[in-house]
PDB file of all heavy atoms in Angstrom:
ATOM      1  N   GLN A   1      -0.546  14.058  -9.377  1.00  0.00           N
ATOM      2  CA  GLN A   1      -0.400  14.139 -10.804  1.00  0.00           C
ATOM      3  C   GLN A   1       0.260  12.882 -11.326  1.00  0.00           C
ATOM      4  O   GLN A   1       0.960  12.193 -10.564  1.00  0.00           O
ATOM      5  CB  GLN A   1       0.419  15.344 -11.195  1.00  0.00           C
ATOM      6  CG  GLN A   1      -0.143  16.692 -10.720  1.00  0.00           C
ATOM      7  CD  GLN A   1      -1.474  16.995 -11.327  1.00  0.00           C
ATOM      8  OE1 GLN A   1      -1.730  16.729 -12.503  1.00  0.00           O
ATOM      9  NE2 GLN A   1      -2.359  17.534 -10.557  1.00  0.00           N
ATOM     10  N   ILE A   2       0.089  12.523 -12.566  1.00  0.00           N
ATOM     11  CA  ILE A   2       0.759  11.397 -13.155  1.00  0.00           C
ATOM     12  C   ILE A   2       2.284  11.553 -12.958  1.00  0.00           C
ATOM     13  O   ILE A   2       2.838  12.620 -13.204  1.00  0.00           O
ATOM     14  CB  ILE A   2       0.363  11.248 -14.608  1.00  0.00           C
ATOM     15  CG1 ILE A   2      -1.112  10.887 -14.713  1.00  0.00           C
ATOM     16  CG2 ILE A   2       1.232  10.213 -15.323  1.00  0.00           C
ATOM     17  CD1 ILE A   2      -1.721  10.847 -16.108  1.00  0.00           C
ATOM     18  N   GLY A   3       2.904  10.527 -12.505  1.00  0.00           N
ATOM     19  CA  GLY A   3       4.338  10.512 -12.224  1.00  0.00           C
ATOM     20  C   GLY A   3       4.676  10.703 -10.738  1.00  0.00           C
ATOM     21  O   GLY A   3       5.792  10.482 -10.342  1.00  0.00           O
ATOM     22  N   ASP A   4       3.728  11.212  -9.964  1.00  0.00           N
ATOM     23  CA  ASP A   4       3.957  11.407  -8.514  1.00  0.00           C
ATOM     24  C   ASP A   4       4.176  10.025  -7.852  1.00  0.00           C
ATOM     25  O   ASP A   4       3.638   9.017  -8.329  1.00  0.00           O
ATOM     26  CB  ASP A   4       2.799  12.067  -7.861  1.00  0.00           C
ATOM     27  CG  ASP A   4       2.694  13.547  -8.130  1.00  0.00           C
ATOM     28  OD1 ASP A   4       3.639  14.050  -8.750  1.00  0.00           O
ATOM     29  OD2 ASP A   4       1.719  14.207  -7.784  1.00  0.00           O
ATOM     30  N   LYS A   5       4.885  10.022  -6.745  1.00  0.00           N
ATOM     31  CA  LYS A   5       5.156   8.820  -5.972  1.00  0.00           C
ATOM     32  C   LYS A   5       4.221   8.855  -4.774  1.00  0.00           C
ATOM     33  O   LYS A   5       4.018   9.880  -4.129  1.00  0.00           O
ATOM     34  CB  LYS A   5       6.625   8.730  -5.529  1.00  0.00           C
ATOM     35  CG  LYS A   5       7.633   8.704  -6.586  1.00  0.00           C
ATOM     36  CD  LYS A   5       7.614   7.416  -7.322  1.00  0.00           C
ATOM     37  CE  LYS A   5       8.764   7.441  -8.354  1.00  0.00           C
ATOM     38  NZ  LYS A   5       8.719   6.314  -9.201  1.00  0.00           N
ATOM     39  N   ILE A   6       3.670   7.677  -4.475  1.00  0.00           N
ATOM     40  CA  ILE A   6       2.795   7.499  -3.291  1.00  0.00           C
ATOM     41  C   ILE A   6       3.396   6.348  -2.457  1.00  0.00           C
ATOM     42  O   ILE A   6       3.718   5.301  -2.963  1.00  0.00           O
ATOM     43  CB  ILE A   6       1.377   7.156  -3.680  1.00  0.00           C
ATOM     44  CG1 ILE A   6       0.706   8.247  -4.526  1.00  0.00           C
ATOM     45  CG2 ILE A   6       0.523   6.848  -2.485  1.00  0.00           C
ATOM     46  CD1 ILE A   6      -0.670   7.857  -5.061  1.00  0.00           C
ATOM     47  N   GLN A   7       3.540   6.582  -1.196  1.00  0.00           N
ATOM     48  CA  GLN A   7       3.971   5.519  -0.227  1.00  0.00           C
ATOM     49  C   GLN A   7       2.737   4.968   0.465  1.00  0.00           C
ATOM     50  O   GLN A   7       1.909   5.728   1.026  1.00  0.00           O
ATOM     51  CB  GLN A   7       4.976   6.007   0.739  1.00  0.00           C
ATOM     52  CG  GLN A   7       5.548   4.879   1.582  1.00  0.00           C
ATOM     53  CD  GLN A   7       6.615   5.337   2.512  1.00  0.00           C
ATOM     54  OE1 GLN A   7       6.326   6.017   3.504  1.00  0.00           O
ATOM     55  NE2 GLN A   7       7.873   5.029   2.255  1.00  0.00           N
ATOM     56  N   ILE A   8       2.544   3.665   0.397  1.00  0.00           N
ATOM     57  CA  ILE A   8       1.426   3.001   1.132  1.00  0.00           C
ATOM     58  C   ILE A   8       1.974   2.077   2.208  1.00  0.00           C
ATOM     59  O   ILE A   8       3.084   1.584   2.074  1.00  0.00           O
ATOM     60  CB  ILE A   8       0.539   2.226   0.147  1.00  0.00           C
ATOM     61  CG1 ILE A   8       1.276   1.137  -0.520  1.00  0.00           C
ATOM     62  CG2 ILE A   8      -0.109   3.135  -0.928  1.00  0.00           C
ATOM     63  CD1 ILE A   8       0.412   0.081  -1.261  1.00  0.00           C
ATOM     64  N   GLU A   9       1.214   1.904   3.217  1.00  0.00           N
ATOM     65  CA  GLU A   9       1.587   0.962   4.320  1.00  0.00           C
ATOM     66  C   GLU A   9       0.546  -0.146   4.270  1.00  0.00           C
ATOM     67  O   GLU A   9      -0.626   0.045   4.352  1.00  0.00           O
ATOM     68  CB  GLU A   9       1.572   1.663   5.665  1.00  0.00           C
ATOM     69  CG  GLU A   9       1.948   0.745   6.779  1.00  0.00           C
ATOM     70  CD  GLU A   9       1.911   1.336   8.140  1.00  0.00           C
ATOM     71  OE1 GLU A   9       2.019   2.635   8.218  1.00  0.00           O
ATOM     72  OE2 GLU A   9       1.816   0.645   9.115  1.00  0.00           O
ATOM     73  N   LEU A  10       1.031  -1.399   4.209  1.00  0.00           N
ATOM     74  CA  LEU A  10       0.158  -2.578   4.221  1.00  0.00           C
ATOM     75  C   LEU A  10      -0.121  -2.990   5.631  1.00  0.00           C
ATOM     76  O   LEU A  10       0.475  -2.547   6.564  1.00  0.00           O
ATOM     77  CB  LEU A  10       0.894  -3.691   3.447  1.00  0.00           C
ATOM     78  CG  LEU A  10       1.161  -3.412   1.984  1.00  0.00           C
ATOM     79  CD1 LEU A  10       1.908  -4.581   1.372  1.00  0.00           C
ATOM     80  CD2 LEU A  10      -0.109  -3.130   1.229  1.00  0.00           C
ATOM     81  N   PRO A  11      -1.138  -3.863   5.793  1.00  0.00           N
ATOM     82  CA  PRO A  11      -1.542  -4.261   7.162  1.00  0.00           C
ATOM     83  C   PRO A  11      -0.362  -4.847   8.016  1.00  0.00           C
ATOM     84  O   PRO A  11      -0.414  -4.733   9.211  1.00  0.00           O
ATOM     85  CB  PRO A  11      -2.608  -5.293   6.946  1.00  0.00           C
ATOM     86  CG  PRO A  11      -3.236  -4.902   5.655  1.00  0.00           C
ATOM     87  CD  PRO A  11      -2.085  -4.360   4.845  1.00  0.00           C
ATOM     88  N   ASP A  12       0.646  -5.399   7.322  1.00  0.00           N
ATOM     89  CA  ASP A  12       1.760  -5.985   8.076  1.00  0.00           C
ATOM     90  C   ASP A  12       2.789  -4.926   8.473  1.00  0.00           C
ATOM     91  O   ASP A  12       3.822  -5.251   9.091  1.00  0.00           O
ATOM     92  CB  ASP A  12       2.438  -7.119   7.310  1.00  0.00           C
ATOM     93  CG  ASP A  12       3.130  -6.608   6.061  1.00  0.00           C
ATOM     94  OD1 ASP A  12       3.151  -5.410   5.770  1.00  0.00           O
ATOM     95  OD2 ASP A  12       3.730  -7.475   5.342  1.00  0.00           O
ATOM     96  N   GLY A  13       2.568  -3.660   8.172  1.00  0.00           N
ATOM     97  CA  GLY A  13       3.441  -2.533   8.508  1.00  0.00           C
ATOM     98  C   GLY A  13       4.493  -2.280   7.475  1.00  0.00           C
ATOM     99  O   GLY A  13       5.232  -1.281   7.676  1.00  0.00           O
ATOM    100  N   SER A  14       4.589  -3.052   6.409  1.00  0.00           N
ATOM    101  CA  SER A  14       5.624  -2.774   5.412  1.00  0.00           C
ATOM    102  C   SER A  14       5.148  -1.609   4.496  1.00  0.00           C
ATOM    103  O   SER A  14       3.976  -1.409   4.270  1.00  0.00           O
ATOM    104  CB  SER A  14       5.875  -4.062   4.550  1.00  0.00           C
ATOM    105  OG  SER A  14       4.669  -4.407   3.850  1.00  0.00           O
ATOM    106  N   ASP A  15       6.129  -0.821   4.105  1.00  0.00           N
ATOM    107  CA  ASP A  15       5.894   0.322   3.217  1.00  0.00           C
ATOM    108  C   ASP A  15       6.267  -0.038   1.781  1.00  0.00           C
ATOM    109  O   ASP A  15       7.232  -0.772   1.509  1.00  0.00           O
ATOM    110  CB  ASP A  15       6.704   1.519   3.625  1.00  0.00           C
ATOM    111  CG  ASP A  15       6.278   2.104   4.985  1.00  0.00           C
ATOM    112  OD1 ASP A  15       5.061   2.007   5.255  1.00  0.00           O
ATOM    113  OD2 ASP A  15       7.099   2.571   5.685  1.00  0.00           O
ATOM    114  N   HIS A  16       5.481   0.481   0.803  1.00  0.00           N
ATOM    115  CA  HIS A  16       5.766   0.256  -0.598  1.00  0.00           C
ATOM    116  C   HIS A  16       5.520   1.558  -1.364  1.00  0.00           C
ATOM    117  O   HIS A  16       4.595   2.318  -1.050  1.00  0.00           O
ATOM    118  CB  HIS A  16       4.833  -0.858  -1.177  1.00  0.00           C
ATOM    119  CG  HIS A  16       5.088  -2.178  -0.549  1.00  0.00           C
ATOM    120  ND1 HIS A  16       6.065  -3.048  -0.989  1.00  0.00           N
ATOM    121  CD2 HIS A  16       4.535  -2.792   0.523  1.00  0.00           C
ATOM    122  CE1 HIS A  16       6.028  -4.142  -0.278  1.00  0.00           C
ATOM    123  NE2 HIS A  16       5.107  -4.004   0.725  1.00  0.00           N
ATOM    124  N   ASP A  17       6.322   1.839  -2.346  1.00  0.00           N
ATOM    125  CA  ASP A  17       6.162   3.010  -3.186  1.00  0.00           C
ATOM    126  C   ASP A  17       5.460   2.661  -4.463  1.00  0.00           C
ATOM    127  O   ASP A  17       5.771   1.614  -5.095  1.00  0.00           O
ATOM    128  CB  ASP A  17       7.540   3.633  -3.512  1.00  0.00           C
ATOM    129  CG  ASP A  17       8.184   4.184  -2.290  1.00  0.00           C
ATOM    130  OD1 ASP A  17       7.494   4.719  -1.360  1.00  0.00           O
ATOM    131  OD2 ASP A  17       9.446   4.121  -2.227  1.00  0.00           O
ATOM    132  N   LEU A  18       4.537   3.494  -4.865  1.00  0.00           N
ATOM    133  CA  LEU A  18       3.818   3.361  -6.112  1.00  0.00           C
ATOM    134  C   LEU A  18       3.949   4.619  -6.886  1.00  0.00           C
ATOM    135  O   LEU A  18       4.026   5.681  -6.345  1.00  0.00           O
ATOM    136  CB  LEU A  18       2.344   3.066  -5.864  1.00  0.00           C
ATOM    137  CG  LEU A  18       1.952   1.753  -5.137  1.00  0.00           C
ATOM    138  CD1 LEU A  18       0.481   1.753  -4.816  1.00  0.00           C
ATOM    139  CD2 LEU A  18       2.300   0.571  -6.016  1.00  0.00           C
ATOM    140  N   THR A  19       3.933   4.485  -8.258  1.00  0.00           N
ATOM    141  CA  THR A  19       3.948   5.660  -9.104  1.00  0.00           C
ATOM    142  C   THR A  19       2.584   5.864  -9.697  1.00  0.00           C
ATOM    143  O   THR A  19       1.952   4.893 -10.223  1.00  0.00           O
ATOM    144  CB  THR A  19       4.976   5.453 -10.271  1.00  0.00           C
ATOM    145  OG1 THR A  19       6.269   5.257  -9.679  1.00  0.00           O
ATOM    146  CG2 THR A  19       5.025   6.665 -11.169  1.00  0.00           C
ATOM    147  N   VAL A  20       2.044   7.043  -9.664  1.00  0.00           N
ATOM    148  CA  VAL A  20       0.766   7.373 -10.266  1.00  0.00           C
ATOM    149  C   VAL A  20       0.864   7.272 -11.746  1.00  0.00           C
ATOM    150  O   VAL A  20       1.676   8.012 -12.312  1.00  0.00           O
ATOM    151  CB  VAL A  20       0.242   8.742  -9.798  1.00  0.00           C
ATOM    152  CG1 VAL A  20      -1.068   9.128 -10.488  1.00  0.00           C
ATOM    153  CG2 VAL A  20       0.111   8.836  -8.281  1.00  0.00           C
ATOM    154  N   VAL A  21       0.105   6.451 -12.363  1.00  0.00           N
ATOM    155  CA  VAL A  21       0.114   6.270 -13.856  1.00  0.00           C
ATOM    156  C   VAL A  21      -1.137   6.721 -14.481  1.00  0.00           C
ATOM    157  O   VAL A  21      -1.225   6.819 -15.738  1.00  0.00           O
ATOM    158  CB  VAL A  21       0.476   4.848 -14.273  1.00  0.00           C
ATOM    159  CG1 VAL A  21       1.842   4.400 -13.790  1.00  0.00           C
ATOM    160  CG2 VAL A  21      -0.588   3.844 -13.773  1.00  0.00           C
ATOM    161  N   GLY A  22      -2.110   7.066 -13.746  1.00  0.00           N
ATOM    162  CA  GLY A  22      -3.422   7.571 -14.244  1.00  0.00           C
ATOM    163  C   GLY A  22      -4.309   8.013 -13.122  1.00  0.00           C
ATOM    164  O   GLY A  22      -4.127   7.624 -11.964  1.00  0.00           O
ATOM    165  N   ILE A  23      -5.301   8.809 -13.447  1.00  0.00           N
ATOM    166  CA  ILE A  23      -6.268   9.289 -12.482  1.00  0.00           C
ATOM    167  C   ILE A  23      -7.646   8.952 -13.040  1.00  0.00           C
ATOM    168  O   ILE A  23      -7.913   9.208 -14.185  1.00  0.00           O
ATOM    169  CB  ILE A  23      -6.106  10.777 -12.213  1.00  0.00           C
ATOM    170  CG1 ILE A  23      -4.667  11.078 -11.874  1.00  0.00           C
ATOM    171  CG2 ILE A  23      -7.140  11.293 -11.278  1.00  0.00           C
ATOM    172  CD1 ILE A  23      -4.376  11.985 -10.759  1.00  0.00           C
ATOM    173  N   VAL A  24      -8.468   8.276 -12.214  1.00  0.00           N
ATOM    174  CA  VAL A  24      -9.811   7.907 -12.694  1.00  0.00           C
ATOM    175  C   VAL A  24     -10.816   8.353 -11.689  1.00  0.00           C
ATOM    176  O   VAL A  24     -10.526   8.700 -10.546  1.00  0.00           O
ATOM    177  CB  VAL A  24      -9.918   6.362 -12.800  1.00  0.00           C
ATOM    178  CG1 VAL A  24      -8.961   5.835 -13.857  1.00  0.00           C
ATOM    179  CG2 VAL A  24      -9.691   5.632 -11.500  1.00  0.00           C
ATOM    180  N   THR A  25     -12.085   8.406 -12.116  1.00  0.00           N
ATOM    181  CA  THR A  25     -13.171   8.712 -11.256  1.00  0.00           C
ATOM    182  C   THR A  25     -14.192   7.611 -11.341  1.00  0.00           C
ATOM    183  O   THR A  25     -14.557   7.199 -12.439  1.00  0.00           O
ATOM    184  CB  THR A  25     -13.878  10.067 -11.743  1.00  0.00           C
ATOM    185  OG1 THR A  25     -12.900  11.080 -11.594  1.00  0.00           O
ATOM    186  CG2 THR A  25     -15.028  10.408 -10.867  1.00  0.00           C
ATOM    187  N   ASP A  26     -14.601   7.097 -10.194  1.00  0.00           N
ATOM    188  CA  ASP A  26     -15.618   6.088 -10.103  1.00  0.00           C
ATOM    189  C   ASP A  26     -16.943   6.852  -9.909  1.00  0.00           C
ATOM    190  O   ASP A  26     -17.240   7.291  -8.808  1.00  0.00           O
ATOM    191  CB  ASP A  26     -15.354   5.106  -8.984  1.00  0.00           C
ATOM    192  CG  ASP A  26     -16.419   4.048  -8.853  1.00  0.00           C
ATOM    193  OD1 ASP A  26     -17.477   4.080  -9.548  1.00  0.00           O
ATOM    194  OD2 ASP A  26     -16.206   3.114  -8.053  1.00  0.00           O
ATOM    195  N   GLN A  27     -17.724   7.007 -10.935  1.00  0.00           N
ATOM    196  CA  GLN A  27     -18.946   7.823 -10.815  1.00  0.00           C
ATOM    197  C   GLN A  27     -19.985   7.200  -9.962  1.00  0.00           C
ATOM    198  O   GLN A  27     -20.937   7.862  -9.563  1.00  0.00           O
ATOM    199  CB  GLN A  27     -19.467   8.110 -12.181  1.00  0.00           C
ATOM    200  CG  GLN A  27     -18.520   9.009 -13.033  1.00  0.00           C
ATOM    201  CD  GLN A  27     -19.020   9.338 -14.392  1.00  0.00           C
ATOM    202  OE1 GLN A  27     -20.028   8.764 -14.865  1.00  0.00           O
ATOM    203  NE2 GLN A  27     -18.381  10.205 -15.085  1.00  0.00           N
ATOM    204  N   THR A  28     -19.849   5.921  -9.613  1.00  0.00           N
ATOM    205  CA  THR A  28     -20.801   5.300  -8.703  1.00  0.00           C
ATOM    206  C   THR A  28     -20.472   5.491  -7.294  1.00  0.00           C
ATOM    207  O   THR A  28     -21.310   5.302  -6.418  1.00  0.00           O
ATOM    208  CB  THR A  28     -20.913   3.776  -9.026  1.00  0.00           C
ATOM    209  OG1 THR A  28     -19.666   3.185  -8.651  1.00  0.00           O
ATOM    210  CG2 THR A  28     -21.254   3.480 -10.422  1.00  0.00           C
ATOM    211  N   ALA A  29     -19.234   5.936  -6.980  1.00  0.00           N
ATOM    212  CA  ALA A  29     -18.818   6.074  -5.559  1.00  0.00           C
ATOM    213  C   ALA A  29     -18.204   7.398  -5.243  1.00  0.00           C
ATOM    214  O   ALA A  29     -18.170   7.817  -4.134  1.00  0.00           O
ATOM    215  CB  ALA A  29     -17.868   4.932  -5.197  1.00  0.00           C
ATOM    216  N   SER A  30     -17.605   8.052  -6.229  1.00  0.00           N
ATOM    217  CA  SER A  30     -16.872   9.302  -5.981  1.00  0.00           C
ATOM    218  C   SER A  30     -17.783  10.481  -5.731  1.00  0.00           C
ATOM    219  O   SER A  30     -18.859  10.559  -6.262  1.00  0.00           O
ATOM    220  CB  SER A  30     -15.914   9.596  -7.181  1.00  0.00           C
ATOM    221  OG  SER A  30     -14.997   8.582  -7.312  1.00  0.00           O
ATOM    222  N   GLN A  31     -17.268  11.371  -4.969  1.00  0.00           N
ATOM    223  CA  GLN A  31     -17.947  12.647  -4.700  1.00  0.00           C
ATOM    224  C   GLN A  31     -16.973  13.737  -5.028  1.00  0.00           C
ATOM    225  O   GLN A  31     -15.805  13.688  -4.661  1.00  0.00           O
ATOM    226  CB  GLN A  31     -18.351  12.757  -3.228  1.00  0.00           C
ATOM    227  CG  GLN A  31     -19.272  11.613  -2.811  1.00  0.00           C
ATOM    228  CD  GLN A  31     -19.492  11.665  -1.325  1.00  0.00           C
ATOM    229  OE1 GLN A  31     -19.178  12.652  -0.666  1.00  0.00           O
ATOM    230  NE2 GLN A  31     -20.040  10.634  -0.782  1.00  0.00           N
ATOM    231  N   PRO A  32     -17.422  14.769  -5.744  1.00  0.00           N
ATOM    232  CA  PRO A  32     -16.481  15.871  -6.089  1.00  0.00           C
ATOM    233  C   PRO A  32     -16.257  16.787  -4.854  1.00  0.00           C
ATOM    234  O   PRO A  32     -16.642  17.910  -4.805  1.00  0.00           O
ATOM    235  CB  PRO A  32     -17.206  16.651  -7.188  1.00  0.00           C
ATOM    236  CG  PRO A  32     -18.648  16.345  -6.935  1.00  0.00           C
ATOM    237  CD  PRO A  32     -18.736  14.941  -6.337  1.00  0.00           C
ATOM    238  N   ASP A  33     -15.612  16.182  -3.864  1.00  0.00           N
ATOM    239  CA  ASP A  33     -15.432  16.889  -2.570  1.00  0.00           C
ATOM    240  C   ASP A  33     -14.007  16.515  -2.099  1.00  0.00           C
ATOM    241  O   ASP A  33     -13.656  15.342  -2.046  1.00  0.00           O
ATOM    242  CB  ASP A  33     -16.472  16.394  -1.611  1.00  0.00           C
ATOM    243  CG  ASP A  33     -16.307  16.941  -0.206  1.00  0.00           C
ATOM    244  OD1 ASP A  33     -15.375  17.714   0.048  1.00  0.00           O
ATOM    245  OD2 ASP A  33     -17.131  16.577   0.648  1.00  0.00           O
TER     246      ASP A  33
END
């Protein structure tokens, strides 16, 4: 949901926190699954 925190790991192994600011759908690639 908007406001949630996501932790990602980059190829170098470092972790970074991101805040969800929006949710989008790419209709050319997304699948409702």
